Amino acid sequence: MESGCIFCKIIAGEIPAEKVYEDDEILAFRDIQPAAPTHVLLIPKAHIPTVDDLEAGQDELIGRILRTAAVVARQEGLEAGYRLVTNCGRGAGQEVFHLHVHLLGGRPFGWPPG
């Protein structure tokens, strides 16, 4: 737990969030500033600031987050498709320095993004 991290505070129950999935290692909740009709954030409960901070022992956790994203997408009715986004660093648009994956769906997306 990182004391100043908003996502750590959500995990600890200090800040409310609309949870859509939770287990011992992963939490998924609705983004308060959605960029799509469905916008869910999936985070590890362990504080990992960015993708650059991942360690080899966390490979399975990241795989579980991606599999959980597919479960949540089905649960949210995103059969037509969805997008997963992870930003790494300020230059890429990361605002909260706790690794998170955006699950976006419910509208068409263009390419390239951004």
PDB file of N, CA and C in Angstrom:
ATOM      1  N   MET A   1       0.829  -1.189   0.000  1.00  0.00           N
ATOM      2  CA  MET A   1       0.000   0.000   0.000  1.00  0.00           C
ATOM      3  C   MET A   1       0.871   1.249   0.000  1.00  0.00           C
ATOM      4  N   GLU A   2       0.547   2.139  -0.874  1.00  0.00           N
ATOM      5  CA  GLU A   2       1.230   3.422  -0.959  1.00  0.00           C
ATOM      6  C   GLU A   2       0.271   4.463  -0.386  1.00  0.00           C
ATOM      7  N   SER A   3       0.669   5.152   0.649  1.00  0.00           N
ATOM      8  CA  SER A   3      -0.243   6.019   1.398  1.00  0.00           C
ATOM      9  C   SER A   3      -0.898   7.119   0.568  1.00  0.00           C
ATOM     10  N   GLY A   4      -0.219   7.686  -0.408  1.00  0.00           N
ATOM     11  CA  GLY A   4      -0.796   8.774  -1.185  1.00  0.00           C
ATOM     12  C   GLY A   4      -1.521   8.329  -2.442  1.00  0.00           C
ATOM     13  N   CYS A   5      -1.600   7.035  -2.688  1.00  0.00           N
ATOM     14  CA  CYS A   5      -2.165   6.516  -3.930  1.00  0.00           C
ATOM     15  C   CYS A   5      -3.688   6.371  -3.831  1.00  0.00           C
ATOM     16  N   ILE A   6      -4.401   7.028  -4.737  1.00  0.00           N
ATOM     17  CA  ILE A   6      -5.862   6.975  -4.720  1.00  0.00           C
ATOM     18  C   ILE A   6      -6.378   5.551  -4.933  1.00  0.00           C
ATOM     19  N   PHE A   7      -5.712   4.771  -5.782  1.00  0.00           N
ATOM     20  CA  PHE A   7      -6.167   3.397  -6.008  1.00  0.00           C
ATOM     21  C   PHE A   7      -5.925   2.528  -4.775  1.00  0.00           C
ATOM     22  N   CYS A   8      -4.833   2.754  -4.074  1.00  0.00           N
ATOM     23  CA  CYS A   8      -4.601   2.021  -2.815  1.00  0.00           C
ATOM     24  C   CYS A   8      -5.681   2.375  -1.801  1.00  0.00           C
ATOM     25  N   LYS A   9      -6.122   3.619  -1.802  1.00  0.00           N
ATOM     26  CA  LYS A   9      -7.189   4.041  -0.889  1.00  0.00           C
ATOM     27  C   LYS A   9      -8.519   3.396  -1.270  1.00  0.00           C
ATOM     28  N   ILE A  10      -8.764   3.207  -2.559  1.00  0.00           N
ATOM     29  CA  ILE A  10      -9.968   2.489  -2.995  1.00  0.00           C
ATOM     30  C   ILE A  10      -9.893   1.034  -2.540  1.00  0.00           C
ATOM     31  N   ILE A  11      -8.753   0.405  -2.717  1.00  0.00           N
ATOM     32  CA  ILE A  11      -8.564  -0.982  -2.284  1.00  0.00           C
ATOM     33  C   ILE A  11      -8.821  -1.115  -0.784  1.00  0.00           C
ATOM     34  N   ALA A  12      -8.331  -0.141  -0.008  1.00  0.00           N
ATOM     35  CA  ALA A  12      -8.479  -0.173   1.448  1.00  0.00           C
ATOM     36  C   ALA A  12      -9.882   0.200   1.911  1.00  0.00           C
ATOM     37  N   GLY A  13     -10.738   0.651   0.999  1.00  0.00           N
ATOM     38  CA  GLY A  13     -12.093   1.048   1.371  1.00  0.00           C
ATOM     39  C   GLY A  13     -12.191   2.461   1.907  1.00  0.00           C
ATOM     40  N   GLU A  14     -11.109   3.223   1.798  1.00  0.00           N
ATOM     41  CA  GLU A  14     -11.103   4.604   2.285  1.00  0.00           C
ATOM     42  C   GLU A  14     -11.818   5.551   1.330  1.00  0.00           C
ATOM     43  N   ILE A  15     -11.872   5.183   0.053  1.00  0.00           N
ATOM     44  CA  ILE A  15     -12.567   5.953  -0.973  1.00  0.00           C
ATOM     45  C   ILE A  15     -13.556   4.998  -1.631  1.00  0.00           C
ATOM     46  N   PRO A  16     -14.819   5.408  -1.771  1.00  0.00           N
ATOM     47  CA  PRO A  16     -15.801   4.514  -2.386  1.00  0.00           C
ATOM     48  C   PRO A  16     -15.579   4.356  -3.889  1.00  0.00           C
ATOM     49  N   ALA A  17     -15.962   3.204  -4.404  1.00  0.00           N
ATOM     50  CA  ALA A  17     -15.900   2.930  -5.834  1.00  0.00           C
ATOM     51  C   ALA A  17     -16.996   1.930  -6.172  1.00  0.00           C
ATOM     52  N   GLU A  18     -17.483   1.995  -7.397  1.00  0.00           N
ATOM     53  CA  GLU A  18     -18.485   1.037  -7.854  1.00  0.00           C
ATOM     54  C   GLU A  18     -17.751  -0.193  -8.387  1.00  0.00           C
ATOM     55  N   LYS A  19     -17.596  -1.169  -7.520  1.00  0.00           N
ATOM     56  CA  LYS A  19     -16.852  -2.382  -7.867  1.00  0.00           C
ATOM     57  C   LYS A  19     -17.682  -3.285  -8.766  1.00  0.00           C
ATOM     58  N   VAL A  20     -16.999  -3.871  -9.764  1.00  0.00           N
ATOM     59  CA  VAL A  20     -17.666  -4.838 -10.634  1.00  0.00           C
ATOM     60  C   VAL A  20     -17.030  -6.225 -10.517  1.00  0.00           C
ATOM     61  N   TYR A  21     -15.839  -6.291  -9.897  1.00  0.00           N
ATOM     62  CA  TYR A  21     -15.151  -7.571  -9.684  1.00  0.00           C
ATOM     63  C   TYR A  21     -14.120  -7.360  -8.577  1.00  0.00           C
ATOM     64  N   GLU A  22     -13.949  -8.406  -7.761  1.00  0.00           N
ATOM     65  CA  GLU A  22     -12.893  -8.362  -6.747  1.00  0.00           C
ATOM     66  C   GLU A  22     -12.525  -9.773  -6.341  1.00  0.00           C
ATOM     67  N   ASP A  23     -11.219 -10.004  -6.205  1.00  0.00           N
ATOM     68  CA  ASP A  23     -10.716 -11.234  -5.611  1.00  0.00           C
ATOM     69  C   ASP A  23      -9.515 -10.861  -4.736  1.00  0.00           C
ATOM     70  N   ASP A  24      -8.728 -11.816  -4.331  1.00  0.00           N
ATOM     71  CA  ASP A  24      -7.612 -11.536  -3.420  1.00  0.00           C
ATOM     72  C   ASP A  24      -6.530 -10.643  -4.022  1.00  0.00           C
ATOM     73  N   GLU A  25      -6.391 -10.646  -5.361  1.00  0.00           N
ATOM     74  CA  GLU A  25      -5.294  -9.925  -6.001  1.00  0.00           C
ATOM     75  C   GLU A  25      -5.715  -8.803  -6.938  1.00  0.00           C
ATOM     76  N   ILE A  26      -6.981  -8.789  -7.341  1.00  0.00           N
ATOM     77  CA  ILE A  26      -7.433  -7.871  -8.389  1.00  0.00           C
ATOM     78  C   ILE A  26      -8.722  -7.173  -7.972  1.00  0.00           C
ATOM     79  N   LEU A  27      -8.837  -5.905  -8.343  1.00  0.00           N
ATOM     80  CA  LEU A  27     -10.066  -5.145  -8.143  1.00  0.00           C
ATOM     81  C   LEU A  27     -10.419  -4.482  -9.467  1.00  0.00           C
ATOM     82  N   ALA A  28     -11.695  -4.541  -9.835  1.00  0.00           N
ATOM     83  CA  ALA A  28     -12.191  -3.850 -11.027  1.00  0.00           C
ATOM     84  C   ALA A  28     -13.349  -2.950 -10.600  1.00  0.00           C
ATOM     85  N   PHE A  29     -13.317  -1.710 -11.051  1.00  0.00           N
ATOM     86  CA  PHE A  29     -14.344  -0.749 -10.672  1.00  0.00           C
ATOM     87  C   PHE A  29     -14.568   0.236 -11.812  1.00  0.00           C
ATOM     88  N   ARG A  30     -15.729   0.878 -11.807  1.00  0.00           N
ATOM     89  CA  ARG A  30     -16.081   1.830 -12.859  1.00  0.00           C
ATOM     90  C   ARG A  30     -15.271   3.122 -12.721  1.00  0.00           C
ATOM     91  N   ASP A  31     -14.803   3.618 -13.855  1.00  0.00           N
ATOM     92  CA  ASP A  31     -14.070   4.883 -13.894  1.00  0.00           C
ATOM     93  C   ASP A  31     -15.056   6.021 -13.622  1.00  0.00           C
ATOM     94  N   ILE A  32     -14.661   6.984 -12.799  1.00  0.00           N
ATOM     95  CA  ILE A  32     -15.568   8.092 -12.466  1.00  0.00           C
ATOM     96  C   ILE A  32     -15.618   9.143 -13.584  1.00  0.00           C
ATOM     97  N   GLN A  33     -14.710   9.054 -14.550  1.00  0.00           N
ATOM     98  CA  GLN A  33     -14.727   9.940 -15.719  1.00  0.00           C
ATOM     99  C   GLN A  33     -14.678   9.062 -16.972  1.00  0.00           C
ATOM    100  N   PRO A  34     -15.795   8.376 -17.268  1.00  0.00           N
ATOM    101  CA  PRO A  34     -15.770   7.395 -18.356  1.00  0.00           C
ATOM    102  C   PRO A  34     -15.500   8.000 -19.729  1.00  0.00           C
ATOM    103  N   ALA A  35     -14.674   7.293 -20.498  1.00  0.00           N
ATOM    104  CA  ALA A  35     -14.362   7.689 -21.872  1.00  0.00           C
ATOM    105  C   ALA A  35     -15.173   6.864 -22.873  1.00  0.00           C
ATOM    106  N   ALA A  36     -16.047   6.010 -22.378  1.00  0.00           N
ATOM    107  CA  ALA A  36     -16.904   5.162 -23.202  1.00  0.00           C
ATOM    108  C   ALA A  36     -18.097   4.759 -22.342  1.00  0.00           C
ATOM    109  N   PRO A  37     -19.179   4.273 -22.970  1.00  0.00           N
ATOM    110  CA  PRO A  37     -20.330   3.837 -22.176  1.00  0.00           C
ATOM    111  C   PRO A  37     -19.953   2.821 -21.080  1.00  0.00           C
ATOM    112  N   THR A  38     -19.043   1.917 -21.389  1.00  0.00           N
ATOM    113  CA  THR A  38     -18.481   1.031 -20.373  1.00  0.00           C
ATOM    114  C   THR A  38     -17.018   1.403 -20.205  1.00  0.00           C
ATOM    115  N   HIS A  39     -16.626   1.767 -18.994  1.00  0.00           N
ATOM    116  CA  HIS A  39     -15.230   2.115 -18.709  1.00  0.00           C
ATOM    117  C   HIS A  39     -14.916   1.607 -17.308  1.00  0.00           C
ATOM    118  N   VAL A  40     -14.213   0.502 -17.272  1.00  0.00           N
ATOM    119  CA  VAL A  40     -13.853  -0.160 -16.021  1.00  0.00           C
ATOM    120  C   VAL A  40     -12.339  -0.150 -15.894  1.00  0.00           C
ATOM    121  N   LEU A  41     -11.850   0.082 -14.697  1.00  0.00           N
ATOM    122  CA  LEU A  41     -10.418   0.002 -14.409  1.00  0.00           C
ATOM    123  C   LEU A  41     -10.143  -1.294 -13.676  1.00  0.00           C
ATOM    124  N   LEU A  42      -9.147  -2.029 -14.121  1.00  0.00           N
ATOM    125  CA  LEU A  42      -8.703  -3.258 -13.455  1.00  0.00           C
ATOM    126  C   LEU A  42      -7.335  -2.987 -12.870  1.00  0.00           C
ATOM    127  N   ILE A  43      -7.187  -3.232 -11.566  1.00  0.00           N
ATOM    128  CA  ILE A  43      -5.925  -2.929 -10.894  1.00  0.00           C
ATOM    129  C   ILE A  43      -5.475  -4.111 -10.042  1.00  0.00           C
ATOM    130  N   PRO A  44      -4.159  -4.280  -9.926  1.00  0.00           N
ATOM    131  CA  PRO A  44      -3.675  -5.246  -8.948  1.00  0.00           C
ATOM    132  C   PRO A  44      -3.811  -4.629  -7.561  1.00  0.00           C
ATOM    133  N   LYS A  45      -4.064  -5.444  -6.559  1.00  0.00           N
ATOM    134  CA  LYS A  45      -4.132  -4.918  -5.192  1.00  0.00           C
ATOM    135  C   LYS A  45      -2.741  -4.568  -4.667  1.00  0.00           C
ATOM    136  N   ALA A  46      -1.719  -5.184  -5.237  1.00  0.00           N
ATOM    137  CA  ALA A  46      -0.345  -4.817  -4.899  1.00  0.00           C
ATOM    138  C   ALA A  46      -0.034  -3.494  -5.589  1.00  0.00           C
ATOM    139  N   HIS A  47       0.627  -2.591  -4.875  1.00  0.00           N
ATOM    140  CA  HIS A  47       0.975  -1.300  -5.472  1.00  0.00           C
ATOM    141  C   HIS A  47       2.159  -1.482  -6.410  1.00  0.00           C
ATOM    142  N   ILE A  48       1.877  -1.350  -7.704  1.00  0.00           N
ATOM    143  CA  ILE A  48       2.899  -1.383  -8.754  1.00  0.00           C
ATOM    144  C   ILE A  48       2.705  -0.083  -9.528  1.00  0.00           C
ATOM    145  N   PRO A  49       3.652   0.840  -9.481  1.00  0.00           N
ATOM    146  CA  PRO A  49       3.420   2.156 -10.084  1.00  0.00           C
ATOM    147  C   PRO A  49       3.164   2.138 -11.602  1.00  0.00           C
ATOM    148  N   THR A  50       3.999   1.440 -12.365  1.00  0.00           N
ATOM    149  CA  THR A  50       3.869   1.437 -13.826  1.00  0.00           C
ATOM    150  C   THR A  50       4.245   0.066 -14.370  1.00  0.00           C
ATOM    151  N   VAL A  51       4.020  -0.117 -15.663  1.00  0.00           N
ATOM    152  CA  VAL A  51       4.449  -1.344 -16.332  1.00  0.00           C
ATOM    153  C   VAL A  51       5.962  -1.515 -16.179  1.00  0.00           C
ATOM    154  N   ASP A  52       6.704  -0.420 -16.191  1.00  0.00           N
ATOM    155  CA  ASP A  52       8.163  -0.480 -16.039  1.00  0.00           C
ATOM    156  C   ASP A  52       8.592  -1.036 -14.683  1.00  0.00           C
ATOM    157  N   ASP A  53       7.694  -1.022 -13.703  1.00  0.00           N
ATOM    158  CA  ASP A  53       8.021  -1.489 -12.358  1.00  0.00           C
ATOM    159  C   ASP A  53       7.671  -2.956 -12.128  1.00  0.00           C
ATOM    160  N   LEU A  54       7.137  -3.627 -13.146  1.00  0.00           N
ATOM    161  CA  LEU A  54       6.797  -5.046 -13.001  1.00  0.00           C
ATOM    162  C   LEU A  54       8.053  -5.883 -12.812  1.00  0.00           C
ATOM    163  N   GLU A  55       7.928  -6.905 -12.002  1.00  0.00           N
ATOM    164  CA  GLU A  55       9.020  -7.853 -11.769  1.00  0.00           C
ATOM    165  C   GLU A  55       8.620  -9.195 -12.346  1.00  0.00           C
ATOM    166  N   ALA A  56       9.606 -10.046 -12.625  1.00  0.00           N
ATOM    167  CA  ALA A  56       9.352 -11.344 -13.256  1.00  0.00           C
ATOM    168  C   ALA A  56       8.324 -12.166 -12.476  1.00  0.00           C
ATOM    169  N   GLY A  57       8.334 -12.080 -11.172  1.00  0.00           N
ATOM    170  CA  GLY A  57       7.404 -12.847 -10.358  1.00  0.00           C
ATOM    171  C   GLY A  57       5.959 -12.380 -10.472  1.00  0.00           C
ATOM    172  N   GLN A  58       5.721 -11.290 -11.184  1.00  0.00           N
ATOM    173  CA  GLN A  58       4.366 -10.752 -11.322  1.00  0.00           C
ATOM    174  C   GLN A  58       3.732 -11.080 -12.672  1.00  0.00           C
ATOM    175  N   ASP A  59       4.390 -11.907 -13.463  1.00  0.00           N
ATOM    176  CA  ASP A  59       3.864 -12.266 -14.779  1.00  0.00           C
ATOM    177  C   ASP A  59       2.485 -12.918 -14.679  1.00  0.00           C
ATOM    178  N   GLU A  60       2.325 -13.830 -13.737  1.00  0.00           N
ATOM    179  CA  GLU A  60       1.039 -14.514 -13.589  1.00  0.00           C
ATOM    180  C   GLU A  60      -0.065 -13.522 -13.200  1.00  0.00           C
ATOM    181  N   LEU A  61       0.247 -12.572 -12.342  1.00  0.00           N
ATOM    182  CA  LEU A  61      -0.726 -11.561 -11.934  1.00  0.00           C
ATOM    183  C   LEU A  61      -1.212 -10.769 -13.145  1.00  0.00           C
ATOM    184  N   ILE A  62      -0.308 -10.363 -14.009  1.00  0.00           N
ATOM    185  CA  ILE A  62      -0.694  -9.586 -15.185  1.00  0.00           C
ATOM    186  C   ILE A  62      -1.553 -10.434 -16.116  1.00  0.00           C
ATOM    187  N   GLY A  63      -1.219 -11.682 -16.263  1.00  0.00           N
ATOM    188  CA  GLY A  63      -2.054 -12.584 -17.051  1.00  0.00           C
ATOM    189  C   GLY A  63      -3.448 -12.718 -16.463  1.00  0.00           C
ATOM    190  N   ARG A  64      -3.533 -12.788 -15.144  1.00  0.00           N
ATOM    191  CA  ARG A  64      -4.841 -12.868 -14.478  1.00  0.00           C
ATOM    192  C   ARG A  64      -5.650 -11.592 -14.679  1.00  0.00           C
ATOM    193  N   ILE A  65      -4.989 -10.452 -14.680  1.00  0.00           N
ATOM    194  CA  ILE A  65      -5.705  -9.198 -14.923  1.00  0.00           C
ATOM    195  C   ILE A  65      -6.314  -9.220 -16.326  1.00  0.00           C
ATOM    196  N   LEU A  66      -5.561  -9.672 -17.319  1.00  0.00           N
ATOM    197  CA  LEU A  66      -6.090  -9.724 -18.684  1.00  0.00           C
ATOM    198  C   LEU A  66      -7.238 -10.725 -18.799  1.00  0.00           C
ATOM    199  N   ARG A  67      -7.106 -11.892 -18.173  1.00  0.00           N
ATOM    200  CA  ARG A  67      -8.212 -12.868 -18.190  1.00  0.00           C
ATOM    201  C   ARG A  67      -9.428 -12.301 -17.468  1.00  0.00           C
ATOM    202  N   THR A  68      -9.213 -11.582 -16.387  1.00  0.00           N
ATOM    203  CA  THR A  68     -10.314 -10.961 -15.646  1.00  0.00           C
ATOM    204  C   THR A  68     -10.986  -9.899 -16.504  1.00  0.00           C
ATOM    205  N   ALA A  69     -10.218  -9.178 -17.307  1.00  0.00           N
ATOM    206  CA  ALA A  69     -10.807  -8.186 -18.210  1.00  0.00           C
ATOM    207  C   ALA A  69     -11.807  -8.859 -19.154  1.00  0.00           C
ATOM    208  N   ALA A  70     -11.470 -10.034 -19.646  1.00  0.00           N
ATOM    209  CA  ALA A  70     -12.390 -10.765 -20.535  1.00  0.00           C
ATOM    210  C   ALA A  70     -13.652 -11.188 -19.788  1.00  0.00           C
ATOM    211  N   VAL A  71     -13.509 -11.613 -18.539  1.00  0.00           N
ATOM    212  CA  VAL A  71     -14.667 -11.992 -17.720  1.00  0.00           C
ATOM    213  C   VAL A  71     -15.574 -10.782 -17.511  1.00  0.00           C
ATOM    214  N   VAL A  72     -14.973  -9.652 -17.152  1.00  0.00           N
ATOM    215  CA  VAL A  72     -15.746  -8.433 -16.904  1.00  0.00           C
ATOM    216  C   VAL A  72     -16.410  -7.971 -18.207  1.00  0.00           C
ATOM    217  N   ALA A  73     -15.710  -8.062 -19.329  1.00  0.00           N
ATOM    218  CA  ALA A  73     -16.289  -7.654 -20.611  1.00  0.00           C
ATOM    219  C   ALA A  73     -17.536  -8.484 -20.923  1.00  0.00           C
ATOM    220  N   ARG A  74     -17.477  -9.791 -20.698  1.00  0.00           N
ATOM    221  CA  ARG A  74     -18.663 -10.642 -20.906  1.00  0.00           C
ATOM    222  C   ARG A  74     -19.781 -10.237 -19.957  1.00  0.00           C
ATOM    223  N   GLN A  75     -19.422 -10.018 -18.708  1.00  0.00           N
ATOM    224  CA  GLN A  75     -20.393  -9.621 -17.683  1.00  0.00           C
ATOM    225  C   GLN A  75     -21.065  -8.286 -18.054  1.00  0.00           C
ATOM    226  N   GLU A  76     -20.330  -7.410 -18.720  1.00  0.00           N
ATOM    227  CA  GLU A  76     -20.835  -6.093 -19.120  1.00  0.00           C
ATOM    228  C   GLU A  76     -21.544  -6.122 -20.472  1.00  0.00           C
ATOM    229  N   GLY A  77     -21.593  -7.288 -21.106  1.00  0.00           N
ATOM    230  CA  GLY A  77     -22.297  -7.412 -22.382  1.00  0.00           C
ATOM    231  C   GLY A  77     -21.552  -6.833 -23.571  1.00  0.00           C
ATOM    232  N   LEU A  78     -20.243  -6.905 -23.562  1.00  0.00           N
ATOM    233  CA  LEU A  78     -19.434  -6.318 -24.631  1.00  0.00           C
ATOM    234  C   LEU A  78     -19.074  -7.337 -25.711  1.00  0.00           C
ATOM    235  N   GLU A  79     -20.059  -8.119 -26.144  1.00  0.00           N
ATOM    236  CA  GLU A  79     -19.823  -9.154 -27.147  1.00  0.00           C
ATOM    237  C   GLU A  79     -19.328  -8.580 -28.475  1.00  0.00           C
ATOM    238  N   ALA A  80     -19.688  -7.336 -28.794  1.00  0.00           N
ATOM    239  CA  ALA A  80     -19.280  -6.718 -30.057  1.00  0.00           C
ATOM    240  C   ALA A  80     -17.803  -6.322 -30.048  1.00  0.00           C
ATOM    241  N   GLY A  81     -17.174  -6.330 -28.889  1.00  0.00           N
ATOM    242  CA  GLY A  81     -15.759  -5.991 -28.781  1.00  0.00           C
ATOM    243  C   GLY A  81     -15.497  -4.944 -27.717  1.00  0.00           C
ATOM    244  N   TYR A  82     -14.246  -4.822 -27.386  1.00  0.00           N
ATOM    245  CA  TYR A  82     -13.825  -3.870 -26.355  1.00  0.00           C
ATOM    246  C   TYR A  82     -12.360  -3.566 -26.554  1.00  0.00           C
ATOM    247  N   ARG A  83     -11.901  -2.541 -25.884  1.00  0.00           N
ATOM    248  CA  ARG A  83     -10.493  -2.144 -25.956  1.00  0.00           C
ATOM    249  C   ARG A  83      -9.887  -2.185 -24.563  1.00  0.00           C
ATOM    250  N   LEU A  84      -8.644  -2.648 -24.474  1.00  0.00           N
ATOM    251  CA  LEU A  84      -7.864  -2.612 -23.243  1.00  0.00           C
ATOM    252  C   LEU A  84      -6.709  -1.641 -23.458  1.00  0.00           C
ATOM    253  N   VAL A  85      -6.524  -0.727 -22.502  1.00  0.00           N
ATOM    254  CA  VAL A  85      -5.481   0.297 -22.609  1.00  0.00           C
ATOM    255  C   VAL A  85      -4.719   0.358 -21.295  1.00  0.00           C
ATOM    256  N   THR A  86      -3.392   0.391 -21.405  1.00  0.00           N
ATOM    257  CA  THR A  86      -2.534   0.631 -20.246  1.00  0.00           C
ATOM    258  C   THR A  86      -1.530   1.701 -20.627  1.00  0.00           C
ATOM    259  N   ASN A  87      -1.525   2.792 -19.906  1.00  0.00           N
ATOM    260  CA  ASN A  87      -0.570   3.869 -20.146  1.00  0.00           C
ATOM    261  C   ASN A  87       0.625   3.677 -19.213  1.00  0.00           C
ATOM    262  N   CYS A  88       1.800   4.050 -19.696  1.00  0.00           N
ATOM    263  CA  CYS A  88       3.001   3.930 -18.873  1.00  0.00           C
ATOM    264  C   CYS A  88       3.761   5.246 -18.895  1.00  0.00           C
ATOM    265  N   GLY A  89       3.638   5.999 -17.807  1.00  0.00           N
ATOM    266  CA  GLY A  89       4.346   7.267 -17.672  1.00  0.00           C
ATOM    267  C   GLY A  89       3.509   8.468 -18.076  1.00  0.00           C
ATOM    268  N   ARG A  90       3.919   9.618 -17.597  1.00  0.00           N
ATOM    269  CA  ARG A  90       3.184  10.858 -17.856  1.00  0.00           C
ATOM    270  C   ARG A  90       3.056  11.159 -19.346  1.00  0.00           C
ATOM    271  N   GLY A  91       4.110  10.900 -20.108  1.00  0.00           N
ATOM    272  CA  GLY A  91       4.093  11.177 -21.540  1.00  0.00           C
ATOM    273  C   GLY A  91       3.053  10.366 -22.295  1.00  0.00           C
ATOM    274  N   ALA A  92       2.634   9.253 -21.727  1.00  0.00           N
ATOM    275  CA  ALA A  92       1.612   8.402 -22.344  1.00  0.00           C
ATOM    276  C   ALA A  92       0.227   8.690 -21.769  1.00  0.00           C
ATOM    277  N   GLY A  93       0.142   9.610 -20.825  1.00  0.00           N
ATOM    278  CA  GLY A  93      -1.143   9.971 -20.253  1.00  0.00           C
ATOM    279  C   GLY A  93      -1.466   9.312 -18.923  1.00  0.00           C
ATOM    280  N   GLN A  94      -0.497   8.618 -18.318  1.00  0.00           N
ATOM    281  CA  GLN A  94      -0.767   8.002 -17.008  1.00  0.00           C
ATOM    282  C   GLN A  94      -0.894   9.105 -15.968  1.00  0.00           C
ATOM    283  N   GLU A  95      -2.023   9.114 -15.270  1.00  0.00           N
ATOM    284  CA  GLU A  95      -2.268  10.120 -14.239  1.00  0.00           C
ATOM    285  C   GLU A  95      -2.165   9.544 -12.837  1.00  0.00           C
ATOM    286  N   VAL A  96      -2.581   8.290 -12.658  1.00  0.00           N
ATOM    287  CA  VAL A  96      -2.488   7.617 -11.359  1.00  0.00           C
ATOM    288  C   VAL A  96      -1.365   6.595 -11.468  1.00  0.00           C
ATOM    289  N   PHE A  97      -0.376   6.731 -10.617  1.00  0.00           N
ATOM    290  CA  PHE A  97       0.786   5.858 -10.693  1.00  0.00           C
ATOM    291  C   PHE A  97       0.590   4.614  -9.827  1.00  0.00           C
ATOM    292  N   HIS A  98      -0.388   3.833 -10.258  1.00  0.00           N
ATOM    293  CA  HIS A  98      -0.698   2.487  -9.752  1.00  0.00           C
ATOM    294  C   HIS A  98      -1.152   1.775 -11.022  1.00  0.00           C
ATOM    295  N   LEU A  99      -0.412   0.763 -11.436  1.00  0.00           N
ATOM    296  CA  LEU A  99      -0.708   0.059 -12.677  1.00  0.00           C
ATOM    297  C   LEU A  99      -2.198  -0.212 -12.801  1.00  0.00           C
ATOM    298  N   HIS A 100      -2.765   0.115 -13.958  1.00  0.00           N
ATOM    299  CA  HIS A 100      -4.175  -0.160 -14.204  1.00  0.00           C
ATOM    300  C   HIS A 100      -4.422  -0.379 -15.685  1.00  0.00           C
ATOM    301  N   VAL A 101      -5.440  -1.173 -15.955  1.00  0.00           N
ATOM    302  CA  VAL A 101      -5.863  -1.452 -17.318  1.00  0.00           C
ATOM    303  C   VAL A 101      -7.262  -0.889 -17.483  1.00  0.00           C
ATOM    304  N   HIS A 102      -7.441  -0.072 -18.505  1.00  0.00           N
ATOM    305  CA  HIS A 102      -8.752   0.468 -18.838  1.00  0.00           C
ATOM    306  C   HIS A 102      -9.467  -0.539 -19.734  1.00  0.00           C
ATOM    307  N   LEU A 103     -10.669  -0.923 -19.372  1.00  0.00           N
ATOM    308  CA  LEU A 103     -11.539  -1.741 -20.206  1.00  0.00           C
ATOM    309  C   LEU A 103     -12.612  -0.795 -20.748  1.00  0.00           C
ATOM    310  N   LEU A 104     -12.593  -0.581 -22.053  1.00  0.00           N
ATOM    311  CA  LEU A 104     -13.499   0.368 -22.696  1.00  0.00           C
ATOM    312  C   LEU A 104     -14.374  -0.364 -23.699  1.00  0.00           C
ATOM    313  N   GLY A 105     -15.665  -0.060 -23.705  1.00  0.00           N
ATOM    314  CA  GLY A 105     -16.560  -0.691 -24.664  1.00  0.00           C
ATOM    315  C   GLY A 105     -17.883   0.036 -24.754  1.00  0.00           C
ATOM    316  N   GLY A 106     -18.730  -0.491 -25.628  1.00  0.00           N
ATOM    317  CA  GLY A 106     -20.068   0.077 -25.769  1.00  0.00           C
ATOM    318  C   GLY A 106     -20.169   1.137 -26.852  1.00  0.00           C
ATOM    319  N   ARG A 107     -19.099   1.355 -27.615  1.00  0.00           N
ATOM    320  CA  ARG A 107     -19.111   2.281 -28.749  1.00  0.00           C
ATOM    321  C   ARG A 107     -17.999   1.866 -29.702  1.00  0.00           C
ATOM    322  N   PRO A 108     -18.079   2.297 -30.963  1.00  0.00           N
ATOM    323  CA  PRO A 108     -16.990   1.988 -31.907  1.00  0.00           C
ATOM    324  C   PRO A 108     -15.723   2.769 -31.549  1.00  0.00           C
ATOM    325  N   PHE A 109     -14.590   2.181 -31.827  1.00  0.00           N
ATOM    326  CA  PHE A 109     -13.294   2.826 -31.604  1.00  0.00           C
ATOM    327  C   PHE A 109     -12.554   2.927 -32.923  1.00  0.00           C
ATOM    328  N   GLY A 110     -11.823   4.014 -33.104  1.00  0.00           N
ATOM    329  CA  GLY A 110     -11.014   4.189 -34.303  1.00  0.00           C
ATOM    330  C   GLY A 110      -9.579   3.745 -34.061  1.00  0.00           C
ATOM    331  N   TRP A 111      -8.815   3.734 -35.148  1.00  0.00           N
ATOM    332  CA  TRP A 111      -7.389   3.411 -35.065  1.00  0.00           C
ATOM    333  C   TRP A 111      -6.648   4.364 -35.963  1.00  0.00           C
ATOM    334  N   PRO A 112      -5.554   4.907 -35.579  1.00  0.00           N
ATOM    335  CA  PRO A 112      -4.884   4.705 -34.301  1.00  0.00           C
ATOM    336  C   PRO A 112      -5.562   5.514 -33.196  1.00  0.00           C
ATOM    337  N   PRO A 113      -5.419   5.034 -31.959  1.00  0.00           N
ATOM    338  CA  PRO A 113      -5.980   5.780 -30.825  1.00  0.00           C
ATOM    339  C   PRO A 113      -5.105   6.996 -30.523  1.00  0.00           C
ATOM    340  N   GLY A 114      -5.674   7.952 -29.806  1.00  0.00           N
ATOM    341  CA  GLY A 114      -4.896   9.082 -29.310  1.00  0.00           C
ATOM    342  C   GLY A 114      -4.464  10.077 -30.285  1.00  0.00           C
TER     343      GLY A 114
END
